[in-house]
Every structure is written in structure tokens, then in C-alpha cells.
Amino acid sequence: MTAPQPAPQPAPRPVSRPIPVVLAGARGHGRWHLENIRRLQEAGLVRLAGVCELTPLTEDELEGGPGGELPEQSADFGALLESTGAGIAVVCTPIPTHTDLALAAAERGVHILLEKPPAPSYAEFRRMADGVAAAGAACQIGFQSLGSHAVPAIRELVAEGAIGRVTGIGGAGAWVRAEDYFRRAPWAGRRRMDGVDVVDGALTNPLAHAVATALALGGSTRAEDVTGIETELLRANDIESDDTSCVRITTAQGRPVTVAATLCAERSGEPYVLVHGTSGRITFWYKQDRVLVQRAGHGPEELHFDRTDLLENLVAHLTTGAPLLVPPDATGAFMKVVEAIRRAPDPAPLPDGAWHRVPGENRRVVPGVDRLVEAAADTLSLYSELGAPWAPPAQRSAQHPPKEVNTR
């Protein structure tokens, strides 16, 4: 397996540091971006010039910049970009707004760090990616796991034949989320809102990194690398979107990619991606930048890696010409998965007996799902093929007979 060739990237306009940055969406996950911008501001790489929020941040939330200077605030994103002379916009807003805000920035000559998922549909993704490219703006998609130095290291190990011929890639994410998680914003847990696609779900949003990272390690990042997608979307919570899901992606290289996820785990675990080979396997816990190599004739080897921050990489792209780590076209395959989930039937509710509430924790648990998630990544199987009692029989594939797994 060889690493996919990076897509041609537009030559950035000359930019000097510190680059003025506007952050759109500074609450929720946006707080992480706010802290990261402050970190890079202290390093002299950027300057927080503006914050776009419907409700302005307080002085305590902002904390000021050098000399106590506070950034400009406005609910009008376009006006804020113009008044601040922004060079970069960090967009961390509801999923359906991503395309329009990215295009608004690009049309003003502002480069973009766009939070994942980049769009709620493949059509919106193409509108965004093509519009940004036509405007000559640089765009980085916020899959932070793809900034891990483990990704090229694993690709190199695979290319050297460390685990033999790659037979498939698995991904697993078992997380715990309270019911309040699905009420954190009007769009949370929704597939559509006011007639507009949202496609919030376990595989498209909170555990989207598992899908994108599995595709990247499999060398299948562009839209044309995906030739088929099977989905099983289910929910224990009273929501529209899926909270317990799996997907199997057929790639042009012939290596299946299967990712299973749940937000109803018995215990929260570290998500990981598993590269299967004919003579070994490589496990990558992508939030920890930790890798375990297991291969024939060798003892297990654990490796730890650094990672490059994606905003810092965007700054380097604009100032030194460094290649972008996650340009839009490098997420085309992921967006094909989002599109398949968008077009799939609405997630099936699990029967009442398949889940229970945890007393005092306001969350729903699907007993045995933790082991099913692991088994899916280990065997590249869907839930229905593993004998999950709550997987609809209609989803069982004739090409992949059920593989019974003990979930007790």
C-alpha cells in the first residue's frame, strides 16, 4: 500500500505573521479552537482578530490578547472578516452552515480551517470545495487525527511489508454520551432540520475521525477511491440520527474498511483503527497518537508519536508553502460515507429490551455493544453478521454469513 498522492494545492498568497484570525463559533467545541488560537498567538503565529457568535463572549471568556486587547465581535461573519482584515477564518459552527461560511470567507480572500464534517451532503461538499478552489483560497478540514505523525509512519510500515499484504482496515469507537448531549444544540441528533440536511450521527460527527483515519491508512481518501458502502444505522436514544452504527466501505484497492461506533457504550473506550495484514496487524489509538505493531517473528512494539496542529499547518502553508495535511479533496472518500448515511433509511430504533438507562447518569446503554464494536473492527463484519440480536434481519448480507460473537 502506498500513500495517496496529495491533490494539487493552490499557491498561497504571500502572508506575513502574525496572521489575523476570526473564529466563527467559540462555544461548545469552539472553546478548544479558542484555546488553540491563543496558544499560537503566544507563539507569534496568529492574532485573534475577531469572534463571530450570536451572543457575544464575555471579557472573562475572551481573556484578551497581548496588552489585554480584546478581539472584535459581531454576529455578521462577512462584515467581521472585512473589518478585521482576517487572513484565516476558523469555522466551528453547525454542520449545515459550513459550506456557506467557507464560501463567504473564500470570496473575501480569507483562508479557512473548516471543522469536520465539512458538509452534510456530497453535493454541499462539492459546492464548498469547488468554490473555495475557484476563489484561490486554501482550506484545511479539521480532522486533527490526520495531523498525527503516526499516519505516515504506519503507511511506511505497511509499504515496507511489515505486516504482509493488507487485507482490510477496521475502526472502533465505543463512547458514553448522556441524553443531554443530544440536546446541546437544536441540530444535535438530527438528520434534517427545517428541510435542510444535518446528518449528525455517531459515524459522521463525534466518531467521524475513526472513519476518516481508517480510510487514510487504507490509502483511500479521495471520492473515486470508494466503490461501495453498506450501512447499519440504529439508535437507542430518542433522536433522529444514529447512535449505534457500522459501515463497510468497498474500495477501489479491494481492501474493505469497516468502522463500528456507538455512543451507548457500557464503558467509554479509546477509539482506534486496526490495519489487518497477512502476517500481522497495526493498531492506532488516534486520540493518543499511540501505535501497537504486532507481526510474525517479532514481539509486540508500542510506538508514540507527535502530531502537527492543523491550524499551525495552515499557517505554515500560507507563510512557507508547506503542503496542507487535510485539503478538501483528501476527505472526498469520507464525504461519500456521509452521503451514503444521508441517503440511507432513517436509523431504526432499538427495541426497548435492547437498552437500559444507567441510574443517576441520564444515559442509555446497549448491553454487549462494546464487544460488538471491537468484533466488527476485528473481523471487518457488520453488526448483523456478528449475530447482534437487535440488528434487523433485512440488513444481513448474503455475501457475509453471520459470525456469532458472545456479547455477554
Protein backbone atom coordinates (compact mmCIF):
# COMPACT_ATOMS: atom_id res chain seq x y z
CA MET A 1 0.00 0.00 0.00
CA THR A 2 1.39 3.38 -0.94
CA ALA A 3 0.29 6.73 0.38
CA PRO A 4 -2.13 8.55 -1.90
CA GLN A 5 -0.63 11.43 -3.85
CA PRO A 6 -1.69 14.80 -2.43
CA ALA A 7 -4.06 16.81 -4.56
CA PRO A 8 -2.57 19.86 -6.29
CA GLN A 9 -2.94 22.80 -3.97
CA PRO A 10 -3.21 26.46 -4.97
CA ALA A 11 -0.15 28.55 -4.34
CA PRO A 12 -0.93 30.64 -1.25
CA ARG A 13 -0.81 34.39 -1.46
CA PRO A 14 2.14 35.82 0.48
CA VAL A 15 1.13 36.25 4.11
CA SER A 16 3.13 37.65 6.98
CA ARG A 17 2.85 36.61 10.61
CA PRO A 18 1.05 37.00 12.90
CA ILE A 19 -1.95 36.23 10.70
CA PRO A 20 -5.22 37.80 11.89
CA VAL A 21 -7.76 35.05 12.64
CA VAL A 22 -11.53 35.20 13.00
CA LEU A 23 -13.20 32.36 14.89
CA ALA A 24 -16.80 31.56 13.94
CA GLY A 25 -18.34 29.52 16.74
CA ALA A 26 -16.45 29.98 20.01
CA ARG A 27 -18.65 27.98 22.36
CA GLY A 28 -19.05 24.22 22.67
CA HIS A 29 -16.22 22.59 20.71
CA GLY A 30 -15.28 26.09 19.59
CA ARG A 31 -13.73 26.65 23.02
CA TRP A 32 -11.00 24.21 22.02
CA HIS A 33 -10.28 26.31 18.93
CA LEU A 34 -10.24 29.48 21.03
CA GLU A 35 -7.60 27.98 23.33
CA ASN A 36 -5.59 26.74 20.36
CA ILE A 37 -5.64 30.17 18.71
CA ARG A 38 -4.43 31.68 21.99
CA ARG A 39 -1.59 29.14 22.06
CA LEU A 40 -0.49 30.06 18.54
CA GLN A 41 -0.94 33.74 19.35
CA GLU A 42 1.56 33.40 22.19
CA ALA A 43 3.95 31.80 19.69
CA GLY A 44 3.61 34.80 17.40
CA LEU A 45 1.97 32.86 14.54
CA VAL A 46 -1.54 34.31 14.62
CA ARG A 47 -3.59 37.07 16.23
CA LEU A 48 -7.17 36.58 17.38
CA ALA A 49 -8.77 39.47 15.49
CA GLY A 50 -12.46 38.59 15.76
CA VAL A 51 -15.08 36.26 17.17
CA CYS A 52 -18.37 35.60 15.43
CA GLU A 53 -21.12 34.48 17.82
CA LEU A 54 -24.82 35.21 18.00
CA THR A 55 -24.33 36.00 21.70
CA PRO A 56 -21.05 37.87 22.27
CA LEU A 57 -18.45 36.30 24.54
CA THR A 58 -17.80 37.96 27.89
CA GLU A 59 -14.44 39.52 28.73
CA ASP A 60 -13.74 36.56 31.01
CA GLU A 61 -14.35 34.16 28.12
CA LEU A 62 -12.07 36.15 25.82
CA GLU A 63 -9.27 36.93 28.32
CA GLY A 64 -7.78 39.45 25.89
CA GLY A 65 -4.63 39.29 23.80
CA PRO A 66 -1.24 40.98 24.16
CA GLY A 67 -1.66 44.07 26.29
CA GLY A 68 -5.20 42.99 27.19
CA GLU A 69 -6.55 43.84 23.72
CA LEU A 70 -9.90 42.19 23.08
CA PRO A 71 -10.89 40.90 19.64
CA GLU A 72 -13.73 42.48 17.71
CA GLN A 73 -17.06 40.67 17.97
CA SER A 74 -20.01 40.52 15.59
CA ALA A 75 -22.79 38.15 14.54
CA ASP A 76 -22.18 39.23 10.90
CA PHE A 77 -19.44 36.88 9.68
CA GLY A 78 -18.75 38.62 6.36
CA ALA A 79 -18.61 42.08 7.91
CA LEU A 80 -16.29 40.82 10.63
CA LEU A 81 -13.90 39.30 8.10
CA GLU A 82 -13.73 42.62 6.27
CA SER A 83 -13.41 44.88 9.29
CA THR A 84 -10.65 42.79 10.88
CA GLY A 85 -8.65 42.17 7.69
CA ALA A 86 -8.72 38.47 8.56
CA GLY A 87 -6.27 36.17 6.82
CA ILE A 88 -7.75 32.95 8.27
CA ALA A 89 -11.25 32.00 9.36
CA VAL A 90 -11.74 29.07 11.72
CA VAL A 91 -15.28 27.77 11.19
CA CYS A 92 -16.74 25.72 14.04
CA THR A 93 -20.47 26.24 13.54
CA PRO A 94 -23.50 23.94 12.96
CA ILE A 95 -22.90 21.43 10.15
CA PRO A 96 -25.45 22.90 7.69
CA THR A 97 -23.69 26.31 7.81
CA HIS A 98 -20.23 25.06 6.85
CA THR A 99 -20.47 25.46 3.09
CA ASP A 100 -21.89 28.98 3.05
CA LEU A 101 -19.45 30.27 5.66
CA ALA A 102 -16.45 28.70 3.93
CA LEU A 103 -17.50 30.27 0.64
CA ALA A 104 -18.10 33.63 2.30
CA ALA A 105 -14.53 33.55 3.60
CA ALA A 106 -13.02 32.37 0.31
CA GLU A 107 -14.83 35.08 -1.67
CA ARG A 108 -13.10 37.66 0.56
CA GLY A 109 -9.67 36.12 0.06
CA VAL A 110 -9.68 34.56 3.53
CA HIS A 111 -8.23 31.07 4.03
CA ILE A 112 -10.18 28.52 6.06
CA LEU A 113 -9.88 25.88 8.75
CA LEU A 114 -13.25 24.12 8.49
CA GLU A 115 -14.41 21.85 11.29
CA LYS A 116 -15.46 18.31 10.40
CA PRO A 117 -17.69 17.06 8.91
CA PRO A 118 -17.07 19.57 6.13
CA ALA A 119 -20.67 19.38 4.86
CA PRO A 120 -23.92 17.42 5.40
CA SER A 121 -24.05 16.06 1.85
CA TYR A 122 -21.71 15.29 -1.01
CA ALA A 123 -23.36 17.97 -3.18
CA GLU A 124 -22.74 20.62 -0.50
CA PHE A 125 -19.19 19.36 -0.07
CA ARG A 126 -18.51 19.73 -3.80
CA ARG A 127 -20.05 23.20 -3.81
CA MET A 128 -17.75 24.18 -0.96
CA ALA A 129 -14.57 22.54 -2.28
CA ASP A 130 -15.03 23.74 -5.86
CA GLY A 131 -15.97 27.27 -4.77
CA VAL A 132 -13.01 27.57 -2.41
CA ALA A 133 -10.63 26.31 -5.10
CA ALA A 134 -12.05 28.72 -7.69
CA ALA A 135 -11.52 31.61 -5.27
CA GLY A 136 -7.88 30.60 -4.77
CA ALA A 137 -8.28 30.16 -1.02
CA ALA A 138 -6.58 27.45 1.00
CA CYS A 139 -8.86 25.21 3.03
CA GLN A 140 -7.95 22.72 5.74
CA ILE A 141 -10.56 20.26 7.02
CA GLY A 142 -10.38 19.74 10.78
CA PHE A 143 -9.64 16.04 11.05
CA GLN A 144 -6.98 16.53 13.74
CA SER A 145 -6.09 12.82 13.78
CA LEU A 146 -4.70 13.17 10.25
CA GLY A 147 -2.10 15.55 11.63
CA SER A 148 -0.65 12.71 13.69
CA HIS A 149 2.87 11.68 12.69
CA ALA A 150 1.68 8.13 13.24
CA VAL A 151 -0.25 8.24 9.95
CA PRO A 152 2.80 8.49 7.62
CA ALA A 153 4.74 6.14 9.93
CA ILE A 154 2.07 3.44 9.62
CA ARG A 155 1.90 3.93 5.87
CA GLU A 156 5.66 3.44 5.71
CA LEU A 157 5.50 0.26 7.80
CA VAL A 158 2.81 -1.10 5.51
CA ALA A 159 4.75 -0.15 2.38
CA GLU A 160 7.79 -2.00 3.77
CA GLY A 161 5.68 -5.15 4.17
CA ALA A 162 5.92 -5.16 7.98
CA ILE A 163 2.56 -6.94 8.30
CA GLY A 164 2.45 -8.62 4.90
CA ARG A 165 -0.32 -7.87 2.45
CA VAL A 166 -3.04 -5.62 3.84
CA THR A 167 -6.39 -7.43 3.88
CA GLY A 168 -8.60 -4.70 5.35
CA ILE A 169 -8.94 -1.85 7.82
CA GLY A 170 -11.17 -1.84 10.90
CA GLY A 171 -12.23 1.04 13.12
CA ALA A 172 -13.87 1.03 16.54
CA GLY A 173 -15.32 3.73 18.74
CA ALA A 174 -17.29 3.00 21.93
CA TRP A 175 -18.20 6.20 23.74
CA VAL A 176 -20.52 7.20 26.55
CA ARG A 177 -22.84 10.16 25.98
CA ALA A 178 -25.62 11.35 28.27
CA GLU A 179 -29.04 12.15 26.86
CA ASP A 180 -28.23 15.85 27.36
CA TYR A 181 -25.57 15.50 24.66
CA PHE A 182 -28.33 15.25 22.10
CA ARG A 183 -29.93 18.44 23.43
CA ARG A 184 -26.77 20.56 23.44
CA ALA A 185 -27.85 22.39 20.27
CA PRO A 186 -31.02 22.48 18.12
CA TRP A 187 -29.29 20.47 15.36
CA ALA A 188 -27.80 17.79 17.64
CA GLY A 189 -29.10 14.30 16.95
CA ARG A 190 -30.92 15.47 13.83
CA ARG A 191 -30.83 14.18 10.27
CA ARG A 192 -32.71 17.15 8.91
CA MET A 193 -33.91 20.46 10.32
CA ASP A 194 -36.30 22.90 8.65
CA GLY A 195 -35.93 20.95 5.41
CA VAL A 196 -32.13 21.19 5.43
CA ASP A 197 -29.75 18.22 5.79
CA VAL A 198 -27.86 17.98 9.08
CA VAL A 199 -26.77 14.30 9.16
CA ASP A 200 -25.46 14.43 12.71
CA GLY A 201 -24.67 10.89 13.84
CA ALA A 202 -22.10 8.69 15.52
CA LEU A 203 -20.11 8.00 12.35
CA THR A 204 -20.48 11.41 10.72
CA ASN A 205 -19.68 13.65 13.68
CA PRO A 206 -18.34 12.52 17.11
CA LEU A 207 -16.58 9.41 15.75
CA ALA A 208 -16.00 10.74 12.24
CA HIS A 209 -12.26 10.62 12.91
CA ALA A 210 -12.44 6.82 13.05
CA VAL A 211 -13.89 6.72 9.54
CA ALA A 212 -11.53 9.32 8.06
CA THR A 213 -8.45 7.80 9.70
CA ALA A 214 -9.32 4.27 8.60
CA LEU A 215 -9.74 5.48 5.03
CA ALA A 216 -6.45 7.38 5.21
CA LEU A 217 -4.50 4.37 6.50
CA GLY A 218 -6.08 2.28 3.77
CA GLY A 219 -4.87 4.73 1.12
CA SER A 220 -8.47 5.56 0.13
CA THR A 221 -9.05 9.25 0.78
CA ARG A 222 -10.47 10.59 -2.48
CA ALA A 223 -14.08 10.20 -3.61
CA GLU A 224 -13.15 7.96 -6.52
CA ASP A 225 -11.44 5.52 -4.12
CA VAL A 226 -14.86 4.40 -2.81
CA THR A 227 -16.80 1.88 -4.91
CA GLY A 228 -19.48 0.69 -2.49
CA ILE A 229 -20.88 1.35 1.01
CA GLU A 230 -23.04 -0.78 3.32
CA THR A 231 -24.61 0.85 6.37
CA GLU A 232 -26.37 -0.31 9.52
CA LEU A 233 -27.78 2.67 11.40
CA LEU A 234 -29.59 2.24 14.70
CA ARG A 235 -30.48 4.30 17.75
CA ALA A 236 -31.22 3.69 21.40
CA ASN A 237 -31.82 7.36 22.18
CA ASP A 238 -34.95 9.29 21.28
CA ILE A 239 -33.31 11.13 18.37
CA GLU A 240 -33.47 11.18 14.57
CA SER A 241 -29.85 10.26 13.91
CA ASP A 242 -27.88 7.10 14.65
CA ASP A 243 -26.06 6.50 17.93
CA THR A 244 -25.09 2.86 17.29
CA SER A 245 -23.87 2.28 13.75
CA CYS A 246 -21.49 0.47 11.48
CA VAL A 247 -20.41 0.91 7.90
CA ARG A 248 -18.42 -1.24 5.48
CA ILE A 249 -16.74 0.54 2.60
CA THR A 250 -15.57 -1.23 -0.54
CA THR A 251 -12.54 0.50 -2.01
CA ALA A 252 -11.03 0.56 -5.48
CA GLN A 253 -7.96 -1.13 -4.00
CA GLY A 254 -10.07 -4.09 -2.92
CA ARG A 255 -9.41 -3.61 0.79
CA PRO A 256 -12.62 -3.40 2.85
CA VAL A 257 -12.87 -0.71 5.51
CA THR A 258 -15.32 -1.47 8.34
CA VAL A 259 -15.97 1.02 11.14
CA ALA A 260 -18.31 0.44 14.08
CA ALA A 261 -19.34 3.06 16.60
CA THR A 262 -21.67 3.63 19.50
CA LEU A 263 -22.48 6.45 21.88
CA CYS A 264 -24.26 3.96 24.16
CA ALA A 265 -21.26 2.01 25.44
CA GLU A 266 -21.15 0.30 28.79
CA ARG A 267 -17.76 1.95 29.38
CA SER A 268 -16.10 4.69 27.36
CA GLY A 269 -13.01 3.47 25.50
CA GLU A 270 -10.27 4.96 23.35
CA PRO A 271 -11.26 4.80 19.68
CA TYR A 272 -8.82 3.09 17.36
CA VAL A 273 -8.11 1.97 13.81
CA LEU A 274 -6.79 -1.52 13.04
CA VAL A 275 -4.79 -2.38 9.92
CA HIS A 276 -5.06 -6.11 9.17
CA GLY A 277 -2.24 -7.86 7.32
CA THR A 278 -1.48 -11.42 6.27
CA SER A 279 1.35 -11.60 8.81
CA GLY A 280 0.41 -9.07 11.47
CA ARG A 281 -1.64 -6.06 12.46
CA ILE A 282 -1.15 -2.43 13.44
CA THR A 283 -3.43 -0.73 15.96
CA PHE A 284 -3.59 3.07 16.09
CA TRP A 285 -5.29 4.81 19.02
CA TYR A 286 -5.64 8.07 17.14
CA LYS A 287 -6.54 10.39 20.03
CA GLN A 288 -3.41 9.27 21.88
CA ASP A 289 -1.05 9.10 18.86
CA ARG A 290 -0.20 5.61 20.11
CA VAL A 291 0.58 2.63 17.85
CA LEU A 292 0.96 -1.10 18.55
CA VAL A 293 2.70 -3.20 15.90
CA GLN A 294 2.16 -6.97 16.12
CA ARG A 295 3.84 -9.09 13.44
CA ALA A 296 5.07 -12.59 12.89
CA GLY A 297 8.55 -13.27 14.20
CA HIS A 298 8.66 -10.14 16.38
CA GLY A 299 7.49 -9.18 19.83
CA PRO A 300 4.81 -6.51 20.12
CA GLU A 301 6.19 -2.99 19.63
CA GLU A 302 4.48 0.09 21.03
CA LEU A 303 5.28 3.46 19.46
CA HIS A 304 4.32 7.01 20.41
CA PHE A 305 4.20 9.96 18.01
CA ASP A 306 3.82 13.72 17.97
CA ARG A 307 1.28 15.49 15.83
CA THR A 308 1.11 18.66 13.79
CA ASP A 309 -1.72 21.01 14.70
CA LEU A 310 -3.88 21.69 11.64
CA LEU A 311 -4.16 25.45 12.18
CA GLU A 312 -0.41 25.61 12.60
CA ASN A 313 -0.02 23.63 9.37
CA LEU A 314 -2.36 26.08 7.59
CA VAL A 315 -0.20 28.97 8.81
CA ALA A 316 2.90 27.16 7.52
CA HIS A 317 1.16 26.59 4.18
CA LEU A 318 0.44 30.30 3.86
CA THR A 319 3.86 31.52 5.00
CA THR A 320 6.31 28.88 3.76
CA GLY A 321 4.36 26.87 1.18
CA ALA A 322 4.21 23.71 3.30
CA PRO A 323 1.64 21.22 1.91
CA LEU A 324 -1.74 21.17 3.60
CA LEU A 325 -2.27 17.98 5.58
CA VAL A 326 -6.05 17.75 5.04
CA PRO A 327 -7.22 19.67 1.94
CA PRO A 328 -10.87 19.11 0.93
CA ASP A 329 -10.17 16.50 -1.75
CA ALA A 330 -8.40 14.36 0.87
CA THR A 331 -11.78 13.98 2.58
CA GLY A 332 -13.78 13.06 -0.53
CA ALA A 333 -13.99 9.39 0.46
CA PHE A 334 -15.23 10.34 3.91
CA MET A 335 -17.88 12.53 2.32
CA LYS A 336 -19.03 9.57 0.21
CA VAL A 337 -19.71 7.80 3.51
CA VAL A 338 -21.62 10.83 4.81
CA GLU A 339 -23.68 10.79 1.60
CA ALA A 340 -24.44 7.07 1.97
CA ILE A 341 -25.61 7.65 5.55
CA ARG A 342 -27.67 10.65 4.44
CA ARG A 343 -29.42 8.60 1.76
CA ALA A 344 -29.91 5.51 3.93
CA PRO A 345 -33.26 4.83 5.60
CA ASP A 346 -33.69 6.65 8.89
CA PRO A 347 -31.96 4.82 11.78
CA ALA A 348 -34.07 2.02 13.23
CA PRO A 349 -34.97 2.38 16.92
CA LEU A 350 -33.64 -0.45 19.04
CA PRO A 351 -36.34 -2.43 20.83
CA ASP A 352 -36.92 -1.47 24.45
CA GLY A 353 -35.30 -4.65 25.71
CA ALA A 354 -32.05 -3.92 23.86
CA TRP A 355 -31.08 -0.95 26.03
CA HIS A 356 -31.48 0.38 29.54
CA ARG A 357 -30.86 3.61 31.44
CA VAL A 358 -27.96 3.91 33.87
CA PRO A 359 -29.33 5.09 37.22
CA GLY A 360 -28.08 8.56 38.11
CA GLU A 361 -26.19 9.07 34.82
CA ASN A 362 -29.04 10.02 32.45
CA ARG A 363 -27.69 7.86 29.65
CA ARG A 364 -28.76 4.82 27.67
CA VAL A 365 -26.63 1.71 27.36
CA VAL A 366 -26.83 -1.13 24.86
CA PRO A 367 -25.56 -4.23 26.73
CA GLY A 368 -22.80 -6.05 24.87
CA VAL A 369 -22.26 -3.30 22.30
CA ASP A 370 -18.69 -2.62 23.44
CA ARG A 371 -17.63 -6.12 22.42
CA LEU A 372 -19.61 -5.95 19.19
CA VAL A 373 -17.81 -2.74 18.21
CA GLU A 374 -14.47 -4.43 18.85
CA ALA A 375 -15.54 -7.57 16.97
CA ALA A 376 -16.63 -5.54 13.95
CA ALA A 377 -13.19 -3.92 13.70
CA ASP A 378 -11.51 -7.26 14.30
CA THR A 379 -13.48 -9.27 11.74
CA LEU A 380 -14.49 -6.48 9.30
CA SER A 381 -18.11 -7.54 9.83
CA LEU A 382 -21.34 -5.63 10.26
CA TYR A 383 -23.42 -5.93 13.44
CA SER A 384 -25.98 -8.14 11.71
CA GLU A 385 -23.24 -10.55 10.59
CA LEU A 386 -21.98 -10.78 14.17
CA GLY A 387 -25.35 -12.02 15.36
CA ALA A 388 -26.41 -8.84 17.17
CA PRO A 389 -29.94 -9.71 18.29
CA TRP A 390 -31.18 -6.17 17.60
CA ALA A 391 -29.78 -5.86 14.06
CA PRO A 392 -32.69 -6.03 11.59
CA PRO A 393 -32.60 -9.35 9.67
CA ALA A 394 -33.10 -7.45 6.41
CA GLN A 395 -29.64 -5.97 6.87
CA ARG A 396 -27.92 -9.34 6.95
CA SER A 397 -25.79 -9.77 3.84
CA ALA A 398 -25.97 -12.99 1.82
CA GLN A 399 -22.32 -12.47 0.86
CA HIS A 400 -21.21 -12.33 4.51
CA PRO A 401 -22.80 -15.07 6.67
CA PRO A 402 -23.39 -14.22 10.35
CA LYS A 403 -20.43 -14.61 12.69
CA GLU A 404 -21.67 -15.22 16.19
CA VAL A 405 -19.96 -13.19 18.91
CA ASN A 406 -20.51 -13.61 22.64
CA THR A 407 -21.61 -10.17 23.88
CA ARG A 408 -22.30 -11.18 27.45
